[in-house]
Amino acid sequence: MPHQESAPSGIDSTRMSHARAYDYVLGGKDNFAVDREAARQVIALAPDLPALGKAQRRFLLRVTQMCAEEGIRQFLDIGAGIPTAPNVHQSAREIVPDARVVYVDNDPIVFVHNQALLSPDDNVVSIQADVRRPDELLAAPEVQQLIDFDQPVLLLFIGLFHLVTDAEDPAAIVARFRERMAPGSYICISQFCADGSDPAARAKLEEISVNSPAPMTFRRREEIERFFDGFELLPPGVVDVQQWWPDENAPPTMLKVAAGVGRKR
């Protein structure tokens, strides 16, 4: 009989989770066989997927520090995923020691891990909420307590909107958050991009996500740019995530993640 990996109560270890699969891609251990198998199927067609995942992670941390250097003191990380050191609060606090951070994810196992792994800190909290219900998320007591929307904030949507379908209208979701953000706030978005992605690897990723809680949606670069309506798009714009800091000489990958940063006027 196959070994059944143990999971916290209420967690289905037989159904692939994007957060756990991404944890595996990044070299983490908080994942199950179903997540590893899904990731390996994509890696078989796009062997550089781990390099892409790490490039996206570097982008997240460098944008966090860039915004901290601009005076941002509060951070809302939506679709945070399983904790991977260094985390947003650790990176921000290298610049702003009293930075306030709220981690948000809809995946119950991510919430369990965040609760267990994040160090006790009144200014760092994790909540379980769904970006597709922005009003509920914004009204969460933990968000109300730590995030003052009358002051600038960095809002992070890293690797999230390819898990939100067109019918769920991610542009409208972003607009709802934008309405609450003070001038001088920043928004950071990355998601899988159709432009330039290897067709076979893209098809495999879409296929294995069909039975997951959130089917995968690749978008063209111009579609992702629309998420930044109402923001000043910082150079170099919405580009492959590796192009944000080209001095690193990261080679191109078979799958593409487009990323951008916007500042609210």
Protein backbone atom coordinates (compact mmCIF):
# COMPACT_ATOMS: atom_id res chain seq x y z
CA MET A 1 0.00 0.00 0.00
CA PRO A 2 1.46 3.45 -0.89
CA HIS A 3 2.59 5.56 1.99
CA GLN A 4 0.11 8.31 2.84
CA GLU A 5 1.88 11.43 3.97
CA SER A 6 0.47 12.95 7.12
CA ALA A 7 -1.16 16.35 6.91
CA PRO A 8 -2.76 18.73 9.39
CA SER A 9 -6.45 18.16 10.03
CA GLY A 10 -8.58 19.42 7.16
CA ILE A 11 -5.70 19.43 4.63
CA ASP A 12 -6.07 17.20 1.55
CA SER A 13 -2.62 15.78 0.80
CA THR A 14 -3.91 14.06 -2.36
CA ARG A 15 -4.79 17.29 -4.20
CA MET A 16 -2.10 19.50 -5.69
CA SER A 17 -1.55 22.88 -4.09
CA HIS A 18 0.14 25.67 -6.04
CA ALA A 19 1.72 27.02 -2.87
CA ARG A 20 3.21 23.65 -1.94
CA ALA A 21 4.38 22.95 -5.50
CA TYR A 22 6.08 26.36 -5.55
CA ASP A 23 7.68 25.54 -2.21
CA TYR A 24 9.14 22.41 -3.82
CA VAL A 25 10.38 24.38 -6.84
CA LEU A 26 12.18 26.74 -4.44
CA GLY A 27 13.81 23.80 -2.68
CA GLY A 28 11.49 23.71 0.32
CA LYS A 29 10.21 20.66 2.20
CA ASP A 30 6.66 21.71 3.07
CA ASN A 31 5.00 19.77 0.26
CA PHE A 32 3.44 16.41 -0.53
CA ALA A 33 4.03 13.77 -3.20
CA VAL A 34 1.20 15.12 -5.36
CA ASP A 35 2.83 18.57 -5.36
CA ARG A 36 6.28 17.19 -6.19
CA GLU A 37 4.90 15.08 -9.02
CA ALA A 38 3.05 18.06 -10.53
CA ALA A 39 6.17 20.22 -10.35
CA ARG A 40 8.35 17.48 -11.84
CA GLN A 41 6.03 17.12 -14.83
CA VAL A 42 6.52 20.80 -15.65
CA ILE A 43 10.25 20.70 -14.90
CA ALA A 44 10.58 17.78 -17.35
CA LEU A 45 9.51 20.19 -20.10
CA ALA A 46 11.01 23.37 -18.61
CA PRO A 47 14.11 22.34 -16.61
CA ASP A 48 14.82 25.97 -15.73
CA LEU A 49 11.58 26.33 -13.73
CA PRO A 50 13.47 26.39 -10.40
CA ALA A 51 15.68 29.21 -11.73
CA LEU A 52 12.54 31.11 -12.70
CA GLY A 53 11.01 30.59 -9.27
CA LYS A 54 14.14 31.86 -7.56
CA ALA A 55 14.28 34.88 -9.88
CA GLN A 56 10.73 35.76 -8.88
CA ARG A 57 11.65 35.38 -5.22
CA ARG A 58 14.65 37.70 -5.63
CA PHE A 59 12.39 40.22 -7.35
CA LEU A 60 9.98 40.16 -4.41
CA LEU A 61 12.69 40.74 -1.83
CA ARG A 62 14.48 43.47 -3.79
CA VAL A 63 11.26 45.38 -4.43
CA THR A 64 10.47 45.11 -0.72
CA GLN A 65 13.82 46.68 0.15
CA MET A 66 13.53 49.26 -2.61
CA CYS A 67 10.19 50.42 -1.19
CA ALA A 68 11.50 50.35 2.37
CA GLU A 69 14.31 52.65 1.25
CA GLU A 70 11.61 54.96 -0.16
CA GLY A 71 10.06 55.18 3.30
CA ILE A 72 7.38 52.49 3.14
CA ARG A 73 6.81 51.09 6.63
CA GLN A 74 3.84 48.75 6.06
CA PHE A 75 3.53 45.78 3.73
CA LEU A 76 0.55 43.66 2.66
CA ASP A 77 1.67 40.41 0.99
CA ILE A 78 -1.35 38.76 -0.66
CA GLY A 79 -0.81 35.22 -1.92
CA ALA A 80 2.21 35.00 0.34
CA GLY A 81 2.77 31.27 0.04
CA ILE A 82 4.68 29.05 2.45
CA PRO A 83 7.37 30.99 4.36
CA THR A 84 10.76 30.96 2.64
CA ALA A 85 13.63 32.74 4.39
CA PRO A 86 14.32 35.52 4.05
CA ASN A 87 10.72 36.66 4.26
CA VAL A 88 9.19 40.04 3.47
CA HIS A 89 9.35 41.24 7.07
CA GLN A 90 12.99 40.17 7.42
CA SER A 91 13.98 41.99 4.23
CA ALA A 92 11.97 45.11 5.08
CA ARG A 93 13.39 45.28 8.58
CA GLU A 94 16.92 45.46 7.30
CA ILE A 95 15.87 48.97 6.25
CA VAL A 96 12.89 49.75 8.51
CA PRO A 97 13.30 47.93 11.86
CA ASP A 98 9.67 48.48 12.92
CA ALA A 99 8.07 47.51 9.59
CA ARG A 100 4.56 46.09 9.84
CA VAL A 101 3.67 43.11 7.65
CA VAL A 102 0.46 41.19 7.02
CA TYR A 103 0.77 37.91 5.13
CA VAL A 104 -2.40 36.73 3.37
CA ASP A 105 -3.13 33.44 1.65
CA ASN A 106 -6.25 31.45 0.84
CA ASP A 107 -4.52 28.05 1.12
CA PRO A 108 -5.24 26.56 4.57
CA ILE A 109 -1.89 24.79 4.77
CA VAL A 110 -0.08 28.06 4.07
CA PHE A 111 -1.91 29.60 7.00
CA VAL A 112 -0.95 26.65 9.21
CA HIS A 113 2.72 26.95 8.24
CA ASN A 114 2.76 30.73 8.63
CA GLN A 115 1.26 30.47 12.09
CA ALA A 116 3.85 27.87 13.07
CA LEU A 117 6.97 29.28 11.41
CA LEU A 118 6.68 33.04 11.68
CA SER A 119 8.25 34.30 14.87
CA PRO A 120 5.84 35.78 17.41
CA ASP A 121 5.67 39.48 16.68
CA ASP A 122 2.83 41.93 17.22
CA ASN A 123 3.71 43.68 13.95
CA VAL A 124 3.84 40.54 11.78
CA VAL A 125 0.67 38.51 11.31
CA SER A 126 -0.72 35.87 8.96
CA ILE A 127 -4.36 35.57 7.95
CA GLN A 128 -6.38 33.25 5.73
CA ALA A 129 -8.38 35.27 3.21
CA ASP A 130 -9.29 35.25 -0.47
CA VAL A 131 -8.10 38.02 -2.80
CA ARG A 132 -11.26 37.46 -4.86
CA ARG A 133 -13.20 38.94 -1.93
CA PRO A 134 -11.21 42.13 -1.42
CA ASP A 135 -13.71 43.87 0.84
CA GLU A 136 -13.64 40.96 3.29
CA LEU A 137 -9.85 40.89 3.17
CA LEU A 138 -9.54 44.62 3.79
CA ALA A 139 -12.01 44.39 6.67
CA ALA A 140 -10.08 41.64 8.47
CA PRO A 141 -9.25 42.79 12.02
CA GLU A 142 -5.55 42.04 11.59
CA VAL A 143 -5.39 44.16 8.45
CA GLN A 144 -7.32 46.96 10.13
CA GLN A 145 -4.95 46.85 13.10
CA LEU A 146 -1.62 46.85 11.25
CA ILE A 147 -2.24 48.57 7.91
CA ASP A 148 -3.12 52.28 7.89
CA PHE A 149 -4.40 52.97 4.39
CA ASP A 150 -4.12 56.70 4.99
CA GLN A 151 -0.35 56.15 4.80
CA PRO A 152 1.67 54.66 1.92
CA VAL A 153 1.81 50.86 1.75
CA LEU A 154 3.48 48.26 -0.46
CA LEU A 155 0.90 45.82 -1.80
CA LEU A 156 2.42 42.59 -3.10
CA PHE A 157 0.69 40.24 -5.57
CA ILE A 158 3.54 37.85 -6.39
CA GLY A 159 2.64 34.85 -8.52
CA LEU A 160 -1.02 35.29 -7.65
CA PHE A 161 -3.14 36.54 -10.53
CA HIS A 162 -2.42 33.58 -12.81
CA LEU A 163 -4.58 31.77 -10.22
CA VAL A 164 -7.46 34.21 -10.74
CA THR A 165 -9.56 33.62 -13.85
CA ASP A 166 -10.68 36.27 -16.30
CA ALA A 167 -14.25 35.71 -15.11
CA GLU A 168 -13.12 36.68 -11.60
CA ASP A 169 -11.80 39.97 -13.05
CA PRO A 170 -8.35 40.51 -11.50
CA ALA A 171 -8.19 44.08 -12.86
CA ALA A 172 -11.31 44.97 -10.86
CA ILE A 173 -9.79 43.32 -7.79
CA VAL A 174 -6.67 45.47 -8.10
CA ALA A 175 -8.85 48.56 -8.59
CA ARG A 176 -10.66 47.86 -5.33
CA PHE A 177 -7.35 47.82 -3.46
CA ARG A 178 -6.14 50.89 -5.36
CA GLU A 179 -9.14 52.85 -4.11
CA ARG A 180 -7.96 52.29 -0.53
CA MET A 181 -4.28 53.04 -1.09
CA ALA A 182 -2.79 56.43 -0.22
CA PRO A 183 -0.77 58.41 -2.78
CA GLY A 184 2.86 57.30 -2.66
CA SER A 185 1.86 53.64 -2.20
CA TYR A 186 3.40 50.93 -4.35
CA ILE A 187 1.96 47.84 -5.98
CA CYS A 188 4.05 44.89 -7.17
CA ILE A 189 2.63 42.22 -9.47
CA SER A 190 4.09 39.14 -11.14
CA GLN A 191 2.34 36.36 -13.01
CA PHE A 192 2.92 33.74 -15.70
CA CYS A 193 3.00 35.40 -19.10
CA ALA A 194 1.82 33.92 -22.39
CA ASP A 195 4.28 35.98 -24.44
CA GLY A 196 7.36 33.87 -25.07
CA SER A 197 6.39 30.91 -22.88
CA ASP A 198 7.16 27.49 -24.31
CA PRO A 199 3.80 26.11 -25.57
CA ALA A 200 4.35 22.54 -24.32
CA ALA A 201 5.44 23.61 -20.84
CA ARG A 202 2.57 26.09 -20.64
CA ALA A 203 0.06 23.42 -21.71
CA LYS A 204 1.39 21.00 -19.08
CA LEU A 205 1.15 23.62 -16.33
CA GLU A 206 -2.41 24.44 -17.35
CA GLU A 207 -3.29 20.74 -17.55
CA ILE A 208 -2.04 19.78 -14.09
CA SER A 209 -3.79 22.76 -12.52
CA VAL A 210 -7.23 21.77 -13.78
CA ASN A 211 -7.95 19.69 -10.68
CA SER A 212 -6.31 22.12 -8.28
CA PRO A 213 -8.27 24.72 -6.30
CA ALA A 214 -7.26 27.37 -8.88
CA PRO A 215 -6.76 26.60 -12.60
CA MET A 216 -3.82 28.38 -14.21
CA THR A 217 -4.41 31.42 -16.45
CA PHE A 218 -1.53 32.72 -18.57
CA ARG A 219 -1.94 36.31 -19.78
CA ARG A 220 -0.33 38.47 -22.43
CA ARG A 221 1.92 41.29 -21.29
CA GLU A 222 -0.56 43.96 -22.38
CA GLU A 223 -3.25 42.31 -20.24
CA ILE A 224 -0.99 42.39 -17.19
CA GLU A 225 -0.13 46.04 -17.84
CA ARG A 226 -3.83 46.90 -17.43
CA PHE A 227 -3.62 45.82 -13.80
CA PHE A 228 -1.49 48.94 -13.26
CA ASP A 229 -4.19 51.39 -14.42
CA GLY A 230 -4.16 54.33 -12.00
CA PHE A 231 -0.52 53.73 -11.08
CA GLU A 232 2.68 55.21 -12.49
CA LEU A 233 4.48 52.19 -13.93
CA LEU A 234 8.12 52.24 -12.87
CA PRO A 235 10.83 51.46 -15.45
CA PRO A 236 11.53 49.04 -17.00
CA GLY A 237 7.76 48.41 -16.98
CA VAL A 238 6.11 45.01 -17.21
CA VAL A 239 8.96 42.78 -18.36
CA ASP A 240 10.34 39.30 -17.76
CA VAL A 241 11.09 39.12 -14.06
CA GLN A 242 14.81 38.55 -14.74
CA GLN A 243 15.00 41.85 -16.63
CA TRP A 244 14.32 43.94 -13.55
CA TRP A 245 17.95 43.68 -12.48
CA PRO A 246 19.73 42.69 -15.70
CA ASP A 247 23.14 43.13 -14.07
CA GLU A 248 22.60 39.65 -12.65
CA ASN A 249 22.89 38.22 -16.20
CA ALA A 250 20.13 35.69 -15.55
CA PRO A 251 19.56 33.59 -18.69
CA PRO A 252 16.10 33.52 -20.30
CA THR A 253 13.78 30.71 -19.24
CA MET A 254 11.34 28.54 -21.18
CA LEU A 255 8.37 29.75 -19.15
CA LYS A 256 7.96 33.48 -18.65
CA VAL A 257 6.88 35.43 -15.59
CA ALA A 258 6.10 39.08 -16.26
CA ALA A 259 6.60 41.52 -13.39
CA GLY A 260 6.05 45.19 -12.74
CA VAL A 261 5.96 47.81 -10.00
CA GLY A 262 3.60 50.77 -9.89
CA ARG A 263 3.39 53.86 -7.70
CA LYS A 264 0.07 55.49 -6.90
CA ARG A 265 0.02 59.11 -7.98
